[in-house]
Amino acid sequence: MILVADSGSSKTDWLLASPDQQPRAFKSAGLNPYFLTEKEIIKILQDQIPELIALAPQITEIYFFGAGCSSPDRHEIVSNALSTFFTKSYISVDSDLLASAYATCGHEKGFCCVLGTGSNISFFDGEDIHDGQHGLGYVLGDEGSGTWFGKTLITDYLYGTMPGDINTKFKEAYHLDKETVIKNVYQKARANSYLASFSKFITGIRNTEYGQAILHKGLLEFVETNIKTHSQYAKYKCHFVGSIAYIFADELKAICEANSVHVGKIIRQPINDLLEFIVNRANS
């Protein structure tokens, strides 16, 4: 059996491939080693996917791709946690950017952009990814991400600059006050996921002038900061992965077209295409 995982900061999608059977899907919380310790990851695995852990003796290979897994020491945190349960498995840990590149580019050159809870971009040369200087996280970067949009909404609400009717809807939906926001952003873990959770509000105000203004500003900032700073951005297709890219694909395509960005695939999550790529590679 081959187990493939795609982990963001909010959730992890797991797909288990067995001979002559349909892949089985599992879900858990995000396992970002920038925010979680090895022990915390072990507890999440134990509590949230016990049925998958029960199959550990039968699993021979694990390919884990995750946010925050961009350096060897972060790889080790996740790998050690997985090896606690999957003692007989070969375990590979790599970044979520590589997962997105495999799922969208395949073996072709191109740019792969992530627009989900966070945002990032990499160039894929057909074999490896080249990160560049982006991916600064939710404090310094994450332009156009769920975190960026959530932060913008909360800031406008608390500053009182959100239009009156939309302000009322936001207040009724979340019942927020300054103290609650400060506590969740500055004192609790997973501040990025907390902020990103508010981005869902935009779907309900998508057709308003305010909603369109926020979408345009965030997506344009991503294009200008992350895509157009690459000297060859107009030469290759730009593929997109993530809930923000998928839900707001029309706005994203319009902004890309206006900026000479050639859009390729736009998929919500890479896990199915990723599993197909891994299995085909193993059988080739």
Protein backbone atom coordinates (compact mmCIF):
# COMPACT_ATOMS: atom_id res chain seq x y z
CA MET A 1 0.00 0.00 0.00
CA ILE A 2 1.08 3.55 -0.78
CA LEU A 3 -0.07 6.43 1.45
CA VAL A 4 0.05 10.01 0.14
CA ALA A 5 -0.65 13.08 2.28
CA ASP A 6 -1.09 16.72 1.36
CA SER A 7 -1.01 18.94 4.44
CA GLY A 8 -1.76 22.64 4.71
CA SER A 9 -1.92 24.71 7.85
CA SER A 10 -5.64 24.01 8.28
CA LYS A 11 -6.12 20.38 7.19
CA THR A 12 -4.40 17.28 5.85
CA ASP A 13 -5.81 15.11 3.07
CA TRP A 14 -4.68 11.47 3.08
CA LEU A 15 -5.19 8.96 0.24
CA LEU A 16 -4.32 5.29 0.60
CA ALA A 17 -3.73 3.34 -2.62
CA SER A 18 -4.22 -0.43 -2.45
CA PRO A 19 -3.85 -2.92 -5.32
CA ASP A 20 -7.15 -3.53 -7.13
CA GLN A 21 -9.08 -1.19 -4.82
CA GLN A 22 -10.35 2.36 -4.97
CA PRO A 23 -8.18 4.78 -2.95
CA ARG A 24 -9.43 5.38 0.57
CA ALA A 25 -9.57 8.95 1.86
CA PHE A 26 -8.86 10.23 5.38
CA LYS A 27 -8.70 13.72 6.88
CA SER A 28 -6.97 15.30 9.83
CA ALA A 29 -5.93 18.73 11.03
CA GLY A 30 -3.01 20.43 9.32
CA LEU A 31 0.42 19.18 10.40
CA ASN A 32 2.63 22.23 9.91
CA PRO A 33 5.95 21.67 11.78
CA TYR A 34 6.46 25.43 12.05
CA PHE A 35 3.52 25.57 14.45
CA LEU A 36 3.42 22.04 15.88
CA THR A 37 5.93 19.97 17.81
CA GLU A 38 6.61 16.30 17.14
CA LYS A 39 4.51 15.34 20.17
CA GLU A 40 1.60 17.49 19.03
CA ILE A 41 1.66 15.90 15.58
CA ILE A 42 1.71 12.43 17.15
CA LYS A 43 -1.36 13.29 19.24
CA ILE A 44 -3.25 14.57 16.17
CA LEU A 45 -2.46 11.38 14.27
CA GLN A 46 -3.50 9.24 17.22
CA ASP A 47 -6.75 11.10 17.89
CA GLN A 48 -7.95 11.91 14.38
CA ILE A 49 -6.98 9.04 12.06
CA PRO A 50 -6.88 5.89 14.23
CA GLU A 51 -8.43 3.80 11.43
CA LEU A 52 -5.52 4.72 9.16
CA ILE A 53 -2.95 3.99 11.87
CA ALA A 54 -4.55 0.56 12.30
CA LEU A 55 -3.50 -0.20 8.72
CA ALA A 56 0.14 0.74 9.39
CA PRO A 57 1.59 -2.80 9.10
CA GLN A 58 0.28 -3.03 5.54
CA ILE A 59 1.60 0.35 4.35
CA THR A 60 4.99 0.13 2.63
CA GLU A 61 5.48 3.71 1.40
CA ILE A 62 4.42 7.12 2.70
CA TYR A 63 4.81 10.34 0.72
CA PHE A 64 4.01 13.34 2.92
CA PHE A 65 3.91 16.83 1.41
CA GLY A 66 3.23 19.69 3.79
CA ALA A 67 3.24 23.40 4.50
CA GLY A 68 6.24 24.25 6.64
CA CYS A 69 8.23 21.27 5.36
CA SER A 70 10.80 23.27 3.46
CA SER A 71 13.92 22.44 5.48
CA PRO A 72 15.59 19.23 6.74
CA ASP A 73 14.89 19.94 10.41
CA ARG A 74 11.17 20.41 9.68
CA HIS A 75 11.20 17.23 7.59
CA GLU A 76 12.57 15.40 10.62
CA ILE A 77 9.79 16.58 12.93
CA VAL A 78 7.11 15.15 10.64
CA SER A 79 9.10 12.04 9.72
CA ASN A 80 9.74 11.18 13.37
CA ALA A 81 6.07 11.61 14.22
CA LEU A 82 4.98 9.36 11.34
CA SER A 83 7.58 6.70 12.13
CA THR A 84 6.10 6.37 15.61
CA PHE A 85 3.16 4.53 14.04
CA PHE A 86 4.33 3.51 10.57
CA THR A 87 7.36 1.54 11.66
CA LYS A 88 7.61 -0.63 8.54
CA SER A 89 7.10 2.14 5.97
CA TYR A 90 9.52 4.06 3.77
CA ILE A 91 8.75 7.69 4.64
CA SER A 92 9.40 10.69 2.39
CA VAL A 93 8.63 14.24 3.57
CA ASP A 94 8.68 17.23 1.26
CA SER A 95 7.06 20.64 0.82
CA ASP A 96 3.47 21.26 -0.23
CA LEU A 97 4.85 23.26 -3.15
CA LEU A 98 6.33 20.12 -4.67
CA ALA A 99 2.99 18.35 -4.22
CA SER A 100 1.22 21.15 -6.08
CA ALA A 101 3.84 21.08 -8.84
CA TYR A 102 3.47 17.32 -9.31
CA ALA A 103 -0.33 17.66 -9.37
CA THR A 104 -0.46 20.53 -11.87
CA CYS A 105 2.73 20.60 -13.94
CA GLY A 106 3.38 16.87 -14.02
CA HIS A 107 6.72 16.65 -15.81
CA GLU A 108 6.43 19.99 -17.63
CA LYS A 109 8.02 23.30 -16.71
CA GLY A 110 5.79 25.94 -15.18
CA PHE A 111 4.92 28.07 -12.19
CA CYS A 112 2.84 26.62 -9.39
CA CYS A 113 1.01 29.00 -7.08
CA VAL A 114 -0.66 28.16 -3.79
CA LEU A 115 -3.64 30.26 -2.74
CA GLY A 116 -5.25 28.64 0.28
CA THR A 117 -4.82 29.40 3.98
CA GLY A 118 -1.43 30.81 2.99
CA SER A 119 0.11 31.70 -0.36
CA ASN A 120 3.33 30.87 -2.16
CA ILE A 121 4.85 30.32 -5.57
CA SER A 122 7.58 28.14 -7.04
CA PHE A 123 9.03 27.45 -10.46
CA PHE A 124 9.04 23.79 -11.45
CA ASP A 125 11.71 22.80 -13.98
CA GLY A 126 10.12 19.44 -14.75
CA GLU A 127 11.95 17.67 -11.91
CA ASP A 128 12.54 20.03 -9.00
CA ILE A 129 11.02 23.18 -7.57
CA HIS A 130 12.84 26.50 -7.15
CA ASP A 131 11.30 28.52 -4.32
CA GLY A 132 12.80 31.95 -4.88
CA GLN A 133 12.39 34.61 -2.21
CA HIS A 134 8.68 34.21 -1.52
CA GLY A 135 6.69 32.25 1.06
CA LEU A 136 7.29 34.63 3.98
CA GLY A 137 4.30 33.40 5.98
CA TYR A 138 1.23 35.16 7.31
CA VAL A 139 3.04 37.92 9.22
CA LEU A 140 5.25 39.16 6.37
CA GLY A 141 3.61 37.72 3.27
CA ASP A 142 0.74 35.40 2.25
CA GLU A 143 -0.62 37.93 -0.21
CA GLY A 144 -4.03 36.96 -1.60
CA SER A 145 -4.43 34.04 0.81
CA GLY A 146 -7.28 33.14 3.12
CA THR A 147 -5.23 34.57 5.96
CA TRP A 148 -4.72 37.83 4.05
CA PHE A 149 -8.43 38.20 3.31
CA GLY A 150 -9.43 37.27 6.86
CA LYS A 151 -6.98 39.78 8.31
CA THR A 152 -8.31 42.48 5.98
CA LEU A 153 -11.93 41.80 6.96
CA ILE A 154 -11.20 41.80 10.69
CA THR A 155 -9.10 44.96 10.43
CA ASP A 156 -11.81 46.81 8.50
CA TYR A 157 -14.44 45.65 10.98
CA LEU A 158 -12.51 46.68 14.08
CA TYR A 159 -11.42 49.99 12.54
CA GLY A 160 -15.02 50.71 11.54
CA THR A 161 -14.22 51.13 7.83
CA MET A 162 -16.40 48.23 6.64
CA PRO A 163 -19.59 49.44 4.85
CA GLY A 164 -22.59 49.62 7.21
CA ASP A 165 -24.76 46.81 5.81
CA ILE A 166 -21.77 44.48 5.47
CA ASN A 167 -20.58 45.46 8.93
CA THR A 168 -23.94 44.34 10.31
CA LYS A 169 -23.71 40.97 8.54
CA PHE A 170 -20.16 40.44 9.78
CA LYS A 171 -21.16 41.33 13.35
CA GLU A 172 -24.11 38.91 13.28
CA ALA A 173 -21.94 36.14 11.81
CA TYR A 174 -19.01 36.33 14.24
CA HIS A 175 -19.87 38.50 17.30
CA LEU A 176 -16.26 39.69 17.48
CA ASP A 177 -14.64 42.18 19.79
CA LYS A 178 -11.10 43.51 19.94
CA GLU A 179 -10.12 41.46 23.00
CA THR A 180 -11.18 38.16 21.39
CA VAL A 181 -9.25 38.91 18.21
CA ILE A 182 -6.11 39.97 20.08
CA LYS A 183 -6.21 36.81 22.20
CA ASN A 184 -6.60 34.49 19.21
CA VAL A 185 -4.00 36.23 17.05
CA TYR A 186 -1.29 36.98 19.61
CA GLN A 187 -1.76 34.46 22.41
CA LYS A 188 -3.04 31.24 20.85
CA ALA A 189 -1.58 28.77 18.37
CA ARG A 190 -2.65 28.58 14.71
CA ALA A 191 -3.26 32.31 14.35
CA ASN A 192 -3.02 31.95 10.57
CA SER A 193 -5.83 29.39 10.48
CA TYR A 194 -7.92 31.56 12.79
CA LEU A 195 -7.54 34.55 10.48
CA ALA A 196 -8.15 32.46 7.37
CA SER A 197 -11.45 31.16 8.77
CA PHE A 198 -13.01 34.59 8.22
CA SER A 199 -12.24 34.55 4.50
CA LYS A 200 -15.37 32.42 3.97
CA PHE A 201 -17.38 35.59 4.61
CA ILE A 202 -16.28 36.98 1.25
CA THR A 203 -18.31 34.39 -0.66
CA GLY A 204 -21.47 35.98 0.73
CA ILE A 205 -20.45 39.53 -0.27
CA ARG A 206 -18.67 38.53 -3.46
CA ASN A 207 -20.96 40.57 -5.71
CA THR A 208 -20.80 43.75 -3.65
CA GLU A 209 -18.51 46.65 -4.46
CA TYR A 210 -16.67 46.12 -1.18
CA GLY A 211 -16.25 42.38 -1.78
CA GLN A 212 -14.93 42.87 -5.29
CA ALA A 213 -12.55 45.59 -4.08
CA ILE A 214 -11.06 43.27 -1.46
CA LEU A 215 -10.74 40.37 -3.91
CA HIS A 216 -9.13 42.57 -6.55
CA LYS A 217 -6.66 44.07 -4.09
CA GLY A 218 -5.59 40.74 -2.58
CA LEU A 219 -5.30 38.78 -5.82
CA LEU A 220 -3.55 41.63 -7.62
CA GLU A 221 -1.08 41.94 -4.77
CA PHE A 222 -0.30 38.23 -5.13
CA VAL A 223 0.21 38.53 -8.89
CA GLU A 224 2.41 41.61 -8.64
CA THR A 225 4.45 40.44 -5.64
CA ASN A 226 4.80 36.74 -6.39
CA ILE A 227 4.36 36.16 -10.13
CA LYS A 228 5.48 39.29 -11.97
CA THR A 229 8.75 39.49 -10.03
CA HIS A 230 9.90 36.38 -11.96
CA SER A 231 11.64 37.52 -15.15
CA GLN A 232 10.15 34.67 -17.21
CA TYR A 233 6.63 34.69 -15.78
CA ALA A 234 5.07 35.31 -19.22
CA LYS A 235 6.94 32.39 -20.82
CA TYR A 236 5.33 29.54 -18.85
CA LYS A 237 1.88 28.66 -17.58
CA CYS A 238 0.95 29.54 -14.01
CA HIS A 239 -1.03 26.83 -12.25
CA PHE A 240 -3.00 27.46 -9.06
CA VAL A 241 -3.88 25.23 -6.12
CA GLY A 242 -6.02 26.05 -3.10
CA SER A 243 -9.51 27.00 -1.97
CA ILE A 244 -9.08 30.74 -2.60
CA ALA A 245 -7.86 30.17 -6.17
CA TYR A 246 -10.62 27.66 -6.84
CA ILE A 247 -13.57 29.57 -5.34
CA PHE A 248 -12.55 32.91 -6.82
CA ALA A 249 -11.26 31.53 -10.12
CA ASP A 250 -13.18 34.06 -12.24
CA GLU A 251 -11.65 37.05 -10.47
CA LEU A 252 -8.23 35.40 -10.50
CA LYS A 253 -8.36 34.67 -14.23
CA ALA A 254 -9.42 38.24 -15.02
CA ILE A 255 -6.55 39.73 -13.02
CA CYS A 256 -4.05 37.29 -14.55
CA GLU A 257 -5.24 38.06 -18.07
CA ALA A 258 -4.92 41.80 -17.45
CA ASN A 259 -1.32 41.21 -16.33
CA SER A 260 -0.23 38.85 -19.15
CA VAL A 261 -0.16 35.82 -16.83
CA HIS A 262 -1.00 32.58 -18.65
CA VAL A 263 -3.27 30.50 -16.41
CA GLY A 264 -3.01 26.71 -16.52
CA LYS A 265 -4.82 24.39 -14.10
CA ILE A 266 -6.80 25.70 -11.15
CA ILE A 267 -7.58 22.95 -8.64
CA ARG A 268 -8.93 23.12 -5.12
CA GLN A 269 -6.69 20.41 -3.69
CA PRO A 270 -3.86 18.42 -5.25
CA ILE A 271 -4.36 15.09 -3.46
CA ASN A 272 -6.05 13.09 -6.27
CA ASP A 273 -3.72 14.30 -9.03
CA LEU A 274 -0.80 13.89 -6.63
CA LEU A 275 -1.62 10.26 -5.87
CA GLU A 276 -1.94 9.51 -9.58
CA PHE A 277 1.47 11.08 -10.22
CA ILE A 278 3.14 9.13 -7.38
CA VAL A 279 1.61 5.79 -8.39
CA ASN A 280 2.43 6.27 -12.08
CA ARG A 281 6.00 7.22 -11.18
CA ALA A 282 6.33 4.10 -9.02
CA ASN A 283 5.09 1.91 -11.85
CA SER A 284 7.18 3.48 -14.60
